Amino acid sequence: MELLTGIGITAVAILTVIFSRSITTFVHEMGHAIPSLLFTNGQVVVCLGSYSDISKSNKFTLGRLTVYFKLNLLSWIIGLCWHEKTNSKKQSALIILGGPLASLILGLVFIKLFNHDGLSDLYKSLINLIIASSIFDFLVNIIPIQRALYLYNGSIMYNDGRQLQMLLDERGLPPSFSEGVKFMKDKKFEEAKVIFEKIIEDGFVKDVVNSNLIDCYIALEEYDHAIDNMDQYSSLAKMKNQDNAKLGFIFYALGAYEKALNYYNNAIHYDYTNATYLNGRGLVKGELGDHQGAILDFNASLNYNEGYVDPYVNLGRLYYNLDEKKESYKLLEAALKVDPKNADAHFHLGRYYDDINETQKAYDHFLEAERLGSKDHGLDFYLGNLKSDLENKSS
C-alpha cells in the first residue's frame, strides 16, 4: 500500500510539473505571438511541445493565429513562434522581447498571488512551480546562448537573447544588408555574396556580415574563398562551435576527410545532440570506410531529430552500397514521408527499383529527381537507358 501511495504521489508531482511548464511555455510563446499579430499581416504559428513538428499535433485556430499542441512528455518544455518578416528592426525587437517579458510578468503576478491569505499548501506548491518555471523561462531566453536550436526540418534558430544580440549587431549596417539576407532566404546566393562583399569593402566588418558571406561561399561551393574568409573571420571574432561544423563540411566537400573528421569531432564534443553535426560526421566516416561508425552517427542524428530528412537519405544510400537493399528501401521511403520533394531520396529509390527490374517505377523516381534539381552523377545515364527500355517494351 505504501508503495502504491508513493507511486501515486510521484505521478501527481510529475503531472503537476508538466502542467505548470505547459502554462508557462504557452504564456511565453503568446508573448511572441501577440506582437507578431500586431506588426505583421500574415499567419502566426505557435508550436508547443516541438520545434515546428506539427505531425500528430492538436490544433486550434483563431483568426491569423494557429496553435499546434503536441503531447510529448520528453518535449513539453519547448515551443516556437513563427511569423512573417516585420517592417522594422524595432518591431522585430519587440516581438523577440515579448516572450521573456511575458514570462517575467507571469512570474511577478504569481509572486503577488503567493502572498494572498488563505491559500492552501497545495495551491502554494503549484504557484511556487509556476513562479520557478516562469523565472526559468525568462533567464534561459533573455541570456544570449551561442548554441543553435535545430528545428524539426533541420533548419536552425537561436534563443531570444541571442536573436536580440544578432539584431543589435546589425545596427549601423547599410540597408543593403537586409537585401542580402533576403537574397539568402530566397536562395539567391550569388546576389547575396556580391552585397556582403561590398559591405565589407566599404569598411563594415562585422561578425554577422562575415558569417553570412561564408555561408554564401559554401552554398556556391566556393570553398577556397570560404576558408580564406574563415581565417580572417576567426581573427576578428572568437570562433564559434558552428564554425567547426562549417569547416568540417568544407573539408568534406574538398575530400580532405581526416581534417573534416577532426572539425566535426570538435563541434560534436561541445554539442553532442546536434543532428546536423552528427549527420555530417556520418558522411565523413562513410568516406573513410568506417561504415559502422557512419551508421551509428546517422541513427543518432535521427534519434535527436526524427524530422531531419538528410540522415534518412544518407543511411539509405549507405545501406544500398552495402547491398542491404530492403533496409535501404525502408529508409528512403521514410525520407519521402518527411520530405516528398527530396531529390536525393527519389534518385536512390530509382536505383533500388532499377535493381529489381521495376522499370516504370525507377524511371518515375529518376524523372522526379531531375525535376527537383538532383545533381547526382549518372542521372542522365539512368534516364536515357530506362526511357529506351520502356519504349522497347511498348513497341
Protein backbone atom coordinates (compact mmCIF):
# COMPACT_ATOMS: atom_id res chain seq x y z
CA MET A 1 0.00 0.00 0.00
CA GLU A 2 2.83 2.38 0.86
CA LEU A 3 4.44 1.58 -2.50
CA LEU A 4 1.24 2.41 -4.38
CA THR A 5 0.89 5.63 -2.37
CA GLY A 6 4.47 6.58 -3.24
CA ILE A 7 3.90 5.87 -6.92
CA GLY A 8 0.71 7.91 -6.84
CA ILE A 9 2.40 10.88 -5.18
CA THR A 10 5.26 10.71 -7.71
CA ALA A 11 2.83 10.58 -10.65
CA VAL A 12 0.88 13.57 -9.32
CA ALA A 13 4.11 15.52 -8.80
CA ILE A 14 5.26 14.80 -12.37
CA LEU A 15 1.88 15.78 -13.82
CA THR A 16 1.89 18.97 -11.76
CA VAL A 17 5.33 19.94 -13.08
CA ILE A 18 4.24 19.21 -16.66
CA PHE A 19 1.05 21.23 -16.12
CA SER A 20 2.97 24.23 -14.77
CA ARG A 21 5.55 24.05 -17.57
CA SER A 22 2.79 23.83 -20.18
CA ILE A 23 1.20 27.01 -18.81
CA THR A 24 4.46 28.98 -18.69
CA THR A 25 5.57 27.78 -22.14
CA PHE A 26 2.20 28.79 -23.61
CA VAL A 27 2.37 32.25 -21.99
CA HIS A 28 5.95 32.72 -23.22
CA GLU A 29 5.06 31.86 -26.83
CA MET A 30 1.95 34.03 -26.72
CA GLY A 31 4.26 36.85 -25.63
CA HIS A 32 5.85 36.47 -29.07
CA ALA A 33 2.59 35.78 -30.91
CA ILE A 34 0.58 38.85 -29.82
CA PRO A 35 3.09 41.47 -31.09
CA SER A 36 3.60 39.30 -34.19
CA LEU A 37 -0.12 39.64 -34.93
CA LEU A 38 0.12 43.40 -34.38
CA PHE A 39 3.18 44.01 -36.56
CA THR A 40 2.66 41.54 -39.44
CA ASN A 41 -0.21 40.81 -41.81
CA GLY A 42 0.31 37.09 -42.41
CA GLN A 43 -0.21 33.91 -40.45
CA VAL A 44 1.33 33.48 -36.99
CA VAL A 45 2.03 29.92 -35.91
CA VAL A 46 2.79 28.73 -32.37
CA CYS A 47 4.11 25.21 -31.73
CA LEU A 48 4.01 23.81 -28.19
CA GLY A 49 5.84 20.60 -27.39
CA SER A 50 8.02 20.66 -30.53
CA TYR A 51 10.26 22.80 -32.68
CA SER A 52 7.93 23.07 -35.73
CA ASP A 53 6.85 19.39 -35.82
CA ILE A 54 3.10 19.61 -36.47
CA SER A 55 2.56 15.91 -37.13
CA LYS A 56 0.18 14.26 -34.64
CA SER A 57 -0.46 17.66 -33.07
CA ASN A 58 -3.75 19.06 -31.83
CA LYS A 59 -4.59 22.37 -33.46
CA PHE A 60 -6.80 25.36 -32.85
CA THR A 61 -7.08 28.47 -35.00
CA LEU A 62 -8.22 31.95 -34.04
CA GLY A 63 -8.11 34.35 -36.98
CA ARG A 64 -4.50 34.56 -38.21
CA LEU A 65 -3.19 32.66 -35.19
CA THR A 66 -2.74 28.90 -35.33
CA VAL A 67 -1.55 26.96 -32.28
CA TYR A 68 -0.24 23.39 -32.54
CA PHE A 69 -0.03 21.45 -29.28
CA LYS A 70 1.84 18.16 -29.20
CA LEU A 71 1.56 15.96 -26.13
CA ASN A 72 5.17 14.86 -25.87
CA LEU A 73 6.40 14.11 -22.36
CA LEU A 74 10.02 14.42 -23.49
CA SER A 75 9.49 17.84 -25.11
CA TRP A 76 6.90 19.63 -23.00
CA ILE A 77 9.35 22.41 -22.13
CA ILE A 78 9.86 23.63 -25.69
CA GLY A 79 7.93 25.87 -28.03
CA LEU A 80 8.25 28.04 -31.10
CA CYS A 81 6.54 31.07 -32.61
CA TRP A 82 6.78 31.70 -36.35
CA HIS A 83 5.75 34.89 -38.12
CA GLU A 84 6.35 36.72 -41.36
CA LYS A 85 9.02 39.42 -41.77
CA THR A 86 8.39 42.71 -39.97
CA ASN A 87 8.82 46.19 -41.45
CA SER A 88 11.46 47.38 -38.97
CA LYS A 89 14.11 46.20 -36.55
CA LYS A 90 12.20 47.89 -33.70
CA GLN A 91 9.16 45.69 -34.39
CA SER A 92 11.39 42.60 -34.55
CA ALA A 93 12.98 43.53 -31.22
CA LEU A 94 9.56 43.94 -29.57
CA ILE A 95 8.46 40.53 -30.86
CA ILE A 96 11.66 38.91 -29.54
CA LEU A 97 11.37 40.63 -26.16
CA GLY A 98 7.66 39.77 -25.89
CA GLY A 99 8.35 36.17 -24.85
CA PRO A 100 10.79 36.83 -21.98
CA LEU A 101 8.70 39.79 -20.76
CA ALA A 102 5.53 37.65 -20.73
CA SER A 103 7.39 35.04 -18.65
CA LEU A 104 8.65 37.69 -16.23
CA ILE A 105 5.22 39.29 -15.83
CA LEU A 106 3.63 35.88 -15.22
CA GLY A 107 6.20 35.16 -12.50
CA LEU A 108 5.61 38.52 -10.82
CA VAL A 109 1.82 38.02 -10.89
CA PHE A 110 2.12 34.65 -9.19
CA ILE A 111 4.57 36.03 -6.63
CA LYS A 112 1.83 38.50 -5.73
CA LEU A 113 -0.75 35.67 -5.56
CA PHE A 114 1.53 33.60 -3.34
CA ASN A 115 1.29 36.27 -0.62
CA HIS A 116 -2.51 36.12 -0.66
CA ASP A 117 -4.01 34.95 2.65
CA GLY A 118 -6.00 31.76 2.88
CA LEU A 119 -4.23 29.70 0.21
CA SER A 120 -3.84 26.00 0.92
CA ASP A 121 -0.45 24.31 0.85
CA LEU A 122 -1.43 22.56 -2.41
CA TYR A 123 -2.15 25.86 -4.17
CA LYS A 124 1.03 27.38 -2.78
CA SER A 125 3.06 24.44 -4.13
CA LEU A 126 1.51 24.88 -7.58
CA ILE A 127 2.13 28.63 -7.51
CA ASN A 128 5.73 28.03 -6.49
CA LEU A 129 6.22 25.76 -9.51
CA ILE A 130 4.74 28.35 -11.88
CA ILE A 131 6.94 31.07 -10.38
CA ALA A 132 10.07 28.91 -10.73
CA SER A 133 9.11 27.89 -14.26
CA SER A 134 8.41 31.49 -15.33
CA ILE A 135 11.70 32.80 -13.95
CA PHE A 136 13.49 29.87 -15.59
CA ASP A 137 11.88 30.72 -18.96
CA PHE A 138 12.84 34.37 -18.55
CA LEU A 139 16.50 33.67 -17.71
CA VAL A 140 17.22 30.92 -20.29
CA ASN A 141 15.71 33.08 -23.01
CA ILE A 142 16.96 36.58 -22.16
CA ILE A 143 20.59 35.48 -21.65
CA PRO A 144 22.19 35.03 -25.12
CA ILE A 145 23.22 31.44 -25.83
CA GLN A 146 25.52 30.80 -28.80
CA ARG A 147 24.34 27.21 -29.24
CA ALA A 148 21.81 26.93 -32.05
CA LEU A 149 18.43 25.24 -31.69
CA TYR A 150 17.73 22.85 -34.55
CA LEU A 151 14.18 22.72 -35.79
CA TYR A 152 12.27 19.63 -36.87
CA ASN A 153 13.16 20.21 -40.53
CA GLY A 154 16.87 20.70 -39.83
CA SER A 155 16.92 24.50 -40.05
CA ILE A 156 18.28 26.49 -37.12
CA MET A 157 17.21 29.23 -34.75
CA TYR A 158 18.59 30.76 -31.55
CA ASN A 159 17.19 31.66 -28.17
CA ASP A 160 15.60 35.09 -27.69
CA GLY A 161 18.68 36.67 -26.13
CA ARG A 162 20.92 35.57 -29.00
CA GLN A 163 18.33 36.75 -31.58
CA LEU A 164 18.23 40.14 -29.90
CA GLN A 165 22.02 40.26 -29.80
CA MET A 166 22.17 39.43 -33.52
CA LEU A 167 19.62 42.16 -34.21
CA LEU A 168 21.73 44.68 -32.28
CA ASP A 169 24.83 43.55 -34.21
CA GLU A 170 23.10 44.77 -37.37
CA ARG A 171 22.99 48.36 -36.07
CA GLY A 172 24.92 50.75 -38.26
CA LEU A 173 24.95 48.43 -41.26
CA PRO A 174 23.76 49.84 -44.59
CA PRO A 175 20.23 49.00 -45.83
CA SER A 176 21.77 46.66 -48.41
CA PHE A 177 22.49 44.16 -45.60
CA SER A 178 18.76 43.40 -45.29
CA GLU A 179 18.63 42.92 -49.06
CA GLY A 180 21.47 40.40 -48.81
CA VAL A 181 19.68 38.49 -46.05
CA LYS A 182 16.52 38.39 -48.18
CA PHE A 183 18.50 37.07 -51.15
CA MET A 184 19.88 34.32 -48.90
CA LYS A 185 16.38 33.32 -47.76
CA ASP A 186 15.37 33.15 -51.43
CA LYS A 187 18.49 31.01 -52.13
CA LYS A 188 19.93 33.68 -54.44
CA PHE A 189 23.40 33.25 -53.01
CA GLU A 190 25.35 34.90 -55.84
CA GLU A 191 23.41 38.15 -55.41
CA ALA A 192 23.76 37.95 -51.61
CA LYS A 193 27.50 37.31 -51.90
CA VAL A 194 28.04 40.44 -54.01
CA ILE A 195 26.19 42.57 -51.45
CA PHE A 196 28.07 41.20 -48.42
CA GLU A 197 31.45 41.57 -50.16
CA LYS A 198 30.63 45.21 -50.98
CA ILE A 199 29.58 45.89 -47.36
CA ILE A 200 32.93 44.56 -46.11
CA GLU A 201 34.85 46.51 -48.76
CA ASP A 202 33.10 49.66 -47.51
CA GLY A 203 34.52 49.05 -44.04
CA PHE A 204 31.53 47.47 -42.29
CA VAL A 205 33.45 44.47 -40.95
CA LYS A 206 31.13 42.75 -38.52
CA ASP A 207 30.68 39.20 -37.30
CA VAL A 208 27.19 38.93 -38.78
CA VAL A 209 28.32 40.08 -42.26
CA ASN A 210 31.32 37.73 -42.40
CA SER A 211 29.26 34.79 -41.19
CA ASN A 212 26.62 35.34 -43.89
CA LEU A 213 29.29 35.77 -46.55
CA ILE A 214 30.92 32.47 -45.55
CA ASP A 215 27.53 30.76 -45.80
CA CYS A 216 27.14 32.17 -49.34
CA TYR A 217 30.57 30.87 -50.35
CA ILE A 218 29.67 27.41 -49.02
CA ALA A 219 26.30 27.38 -50.83
CA LEU A 220 28.07 28.40 -54.08
CA GLU A 221 30.79 25.75 -53.50
CA GLU A 222 33.47 28.44 -53.43
CA TYR A 223 35.27 26.59 -50.69
CA ASP A 224 38.69 28.27 -51.04
CA HIS A 225 37.06 31.67 -50.56
CA ALA A 226 35.14 30.30 -47.58
CA ILE A 227 38.36 29.06 -45.93
CA ASP A 228 40.18 32.34 -46.60
CA ASN A 229 37.30 34.33 -45.17
CA MET A 230 37.02 31.92 -42.23
CA ASP A 231 40.68 32.62 -41.36
CA GLN A 232 40.01 36.36 -41.45
CA TYR A 233 36.71 35.94 -39.62
CA SER A 234 38.29 33.93 -36.78
CA SER A 235 40.89 36.67 -36.30
CA LEU A 236 38.11 39.26 -35.96
CA ALA A 237 35.79 37.29 -33.68
CA LYS A 238 36.09 34.27 -31.44
CA MET A 239 35.46 31.11 -33.44
CA LYS A 240 32.09 29.58 -32.60
CA ASN A 241 31.20 25.93 -32.41
CA GLN A 242 29.14 26.07 -35.62
CA ASP A 243 32.30 27.34 -37.37
CA ASN A 244 33.92 23.99 -36.58
CA ALA A 245 30.98 22.31 -38.29
CA LYS A 246 31.24 24.64 -41.30
CA LEU A 247 34.93 23.78 -41.68
CA GLY A 248 34.06 20.10 -41.30
CA PHE A 249 31.59 20.41 -44.18
CA ILE A 250 34.06 22.39 -46.33
CA PHE A 251 36.88 19.86 -45.93
CA TYR A 252 34.41 17.00 -46.54
CA ALA A 253 33.40 18.67 -49.82
CA LEU A 254 37.08 19.09 -50.73
CA GLY A 255 37.81 15.42 -49.99
CA ALA A 256 40.07 16.16 -47.00
CA TYR A 257 38.22 13.66 -44.84
CA GLU A 258 40.66 13.41 -41.93
CA LYS A 259 40.57 17.20 -41.47
CA ALA A 260 36.80 17.16 -41.81
CA LEU A 261 36.54 14.46 -39.13
CA ASN A 262 38.66 16.49 -36.71
CA TYR A 263 36.47 19.56 -37.10
CA TYR A 264 33.23 17.59 -36.77
CA ASN A 265 34.62 15.86 -33.66
CA ASN A 266 35.33 19.28 -32.14
CA ALA A 267 31.82 20.51 -32.95
CA ILE A 268 30.13 17.39 -31.55
CA HIS A 269 32.27 17.46 -28.41
CA TYR A 270 30.51 20.67 -27.39
CA ASP A 271 27.10 19.84 -28.89
CA TYR A 272 26.67 16.07 -28.96
CA THR A 273 22.89 16.20 -29.58
CA ASN A 274 23.23 18.26 -32.77
CA ALA A 275 21.55 16.23 -35.52
CA THR A 276 23.19 18.21 -38.33
CA TYR A 277 26.71 17.75 -36.97
CA LEU A 278 26.14 14.02 -36.43
CA ASN A 279 24.82 13.63 -39.96
CA GLY A 280 27.86 15.47 -41.33
CA ARG A 281 30.27 13.28 -39.37
CA GLY A 282 28.40 10.20 -40.60
CA LEU A 283 29.10 11.27 -44.19
CA VAL A 284 32.80 11.69 -43.39
CA LYS A 285 33.06 8.31 -41.66
CA GLY A 286 31.37 6.69 -44.65
CA GLU A 287 34.03 8.11 -46.97
CA LEU A 288 36.76 6.91 -44.61
CA GLY A 289 35.34 3.37 -44.74
CA ASP A 290 34.07 3.41 -41.15
CA HIS A 291 30.62 2.18 -42.14
CA GLN A 292 29.60 1.08 -38.66
CA GLY A 293 30.59 4.46 -37.24
CA ALA A 294 28.63 6.20 -40.01
CA ILE A 295 25.54 4.10 -39.25
CA LEU A 296 25.80 4.98 -35.56
CA ASP A 297 26.06 8.70 -36.33
CA PHE A 298 23.14 8.69 -38.79
CA ASN A 299 20.96 6.83 -36.29
CA ALA A 300 21.98 9.22 -33.52
CA SER A 301 21.06 12.14 -35.78
CA LEU A 302 17.59 10.64 -36.33
CA ASN A 303 17.24 9.93 -32.63
CA TYR A 304 17.75 13.63 -31.82
CA ASN A 305 15.62 14.91 -34.74
CA GLU A 306 13.38 12.39 -36.46
CA GLY A 307 12.08 15.08 -38.83
CA TYR A 308 15.51 15.80 -40.33
CA VAL A 309 15.46 14.17 -43.77
CA ASP A 310 19.19 14.04 -44.61
CA PRO A 311 20.18 11.14 -42.31
CA TYR A 312 17.33 9.01 -43.71
CA VAL A 313 18.68 9.53 -47.22
CA ASN A 314 22.34 9.10 -46.27
CA LEU A 315 21.66 5.96 -44.26
CA GLY A 316 19.51 4.60 -47.09
CA ARG A 317 22.29 5.28 -49.59
CA LEU A 318 24.88 3.65 -47.32
CA TYR A 319 22.77 0.50 -46.83
CA TYR A 320 22.25 0.34 -50.60
CA ASN A 321 26.01 0.46 -51.20
CA LEU A 322 26.43 -2.25 -48.54
CA ASP A 323 23.97 -4.39 -50.53
CA GLU A 324 21.28 -4.23 -47.82
CA LYS A 325 18.63 -3.19 -50.31
CA LYS A 326 15.49 -3.82 -48.25
CA GLU A 327 16.76 -1.71 -45.36
CA SER A 328 17.75 0.96 -47.86
CA TYR A 329 14.25 0.95 -49.35
CA LYS A 330 12.59 1.40 -45.93
CA LEU A 331 14.77 4.40 -45.08
CA LEU A 332 14.30 6.10 -48.46
CA GLU A 333 10.52 5.67 -48.21
CA ALA A 334 10.68 7.15 -44.70
CA ALA A 335 12.65 10.08 -46.15
CA LEU A 336 9.88 10.82 -48.64
CA LYS A 337 7.29 10.78 -45.86
CA VAL A 338 9.29 13.52 -44.15
CA ASP A 339 10.01 15.43 -47.37
CA PRO A 340 8.19 14.24 -50.54
CA LYS A 341 10.25 16.70 -52.60
CA ASN A 342 13.67 15.36 -51.63
CA ALA A 343 15.54 14.86 -54.90
CA ASP A 344 18.22 12.56 -53.43
CA ALA A 345 15.62 10.18 -51.96
CA HIS A 346 13.92 9.91 -55.37
CA PHE A 347 17.27 9.30 -57.08
CA HIS A 348 18.26 6.43 -54.78
CA LEU A 349 14.78 4.90 -54.90
CA GLY A 350 15.19 4.97 -58.67
CA ARG A 351 18.35 2.90 -58.27
CA TYR A 352 16.52 0.46 -55.99
CA TYR A 353 13.64 -0.08 -58.43
CA ASP A 354 16.07 -0.38 -61.35
CA ASP A 355 17.85 -3.17 -59.48
CA ILE A 356 14.63 -5.16 -59.04
CA ASN A 357 13.63 -4.52 -62.68
CA GLU A 358 10.61 -2.33 -61.95
CA THR A 359 11.45 -0.09 -64.87
CA GLN A 360 8.46 2.26 -64.79
CA LYS A 361 8.81 2.99 -61.06
CA ALA A 362 12.55 3.51 -61.47
CA TYR A 363 12.01 5.91 -64.38
CA ASP A 364 9.34 7.86 -62.50
CA HIS A 365 11.63 8.36 -59.49
CA PHE A 366 14.58 9.43 -61.65
CA LEU A 367 12.33 11.81 -63.57
CA GLU A 368 11.10 13.32 -60.29
CA ALA A 369 14.71 13.62 -59.07
CA GLU A 370 15.57 15.54 -62.26
CA ARG A 371 12.54 17.81 -61.87
CA LEU A 372 13.57 18.57 -58.28
CA GLY A 373 17.10 19.55 -59.34
CA SER A 374 19.11 16.44 -58.46
CA LYS A 375 22.85 16.79 -59.09
CA ASP A 376 23.60 13.08 -58.73
CA HIS A 377 26.07 11.70 -61.23
CA GLY A 378 24.58 9.17 -63.59
CA LEU A 379 21.05 10.63 -63.59
CA ASP A 380 21.10 11.31 -67.35
CA PHE A 381 22.51 7.81 -67.96
CA TYR A 382 19.72 6.16 -65.95
CA LEU A 383 17.01 8.24 -67.60
CA GLY A 384 18.32 7.52 -71.09
CA ASN A 385 18.59 3.77 -70.55
CA LEU A 386 15.23 3.43 -68.79
CA LYS A 387 13.43 5.54 -71.39
CA SER A 388 14.86 3.29 -74.09
CA ASP A 389 13.77 0.17 -72.17
CA LEU A 390 10.22 1.49 -71.78
CA GLU A 391 9.99 2.38 -75.46
CA ASN A 392 11.19 -1.09 -76.43
CA LYS A 393 8.60 -2.71 -74.16
CA SER A 394 5.77 -0.64 -75.65
CA SER A 395 6.77 -1.31 -79.27
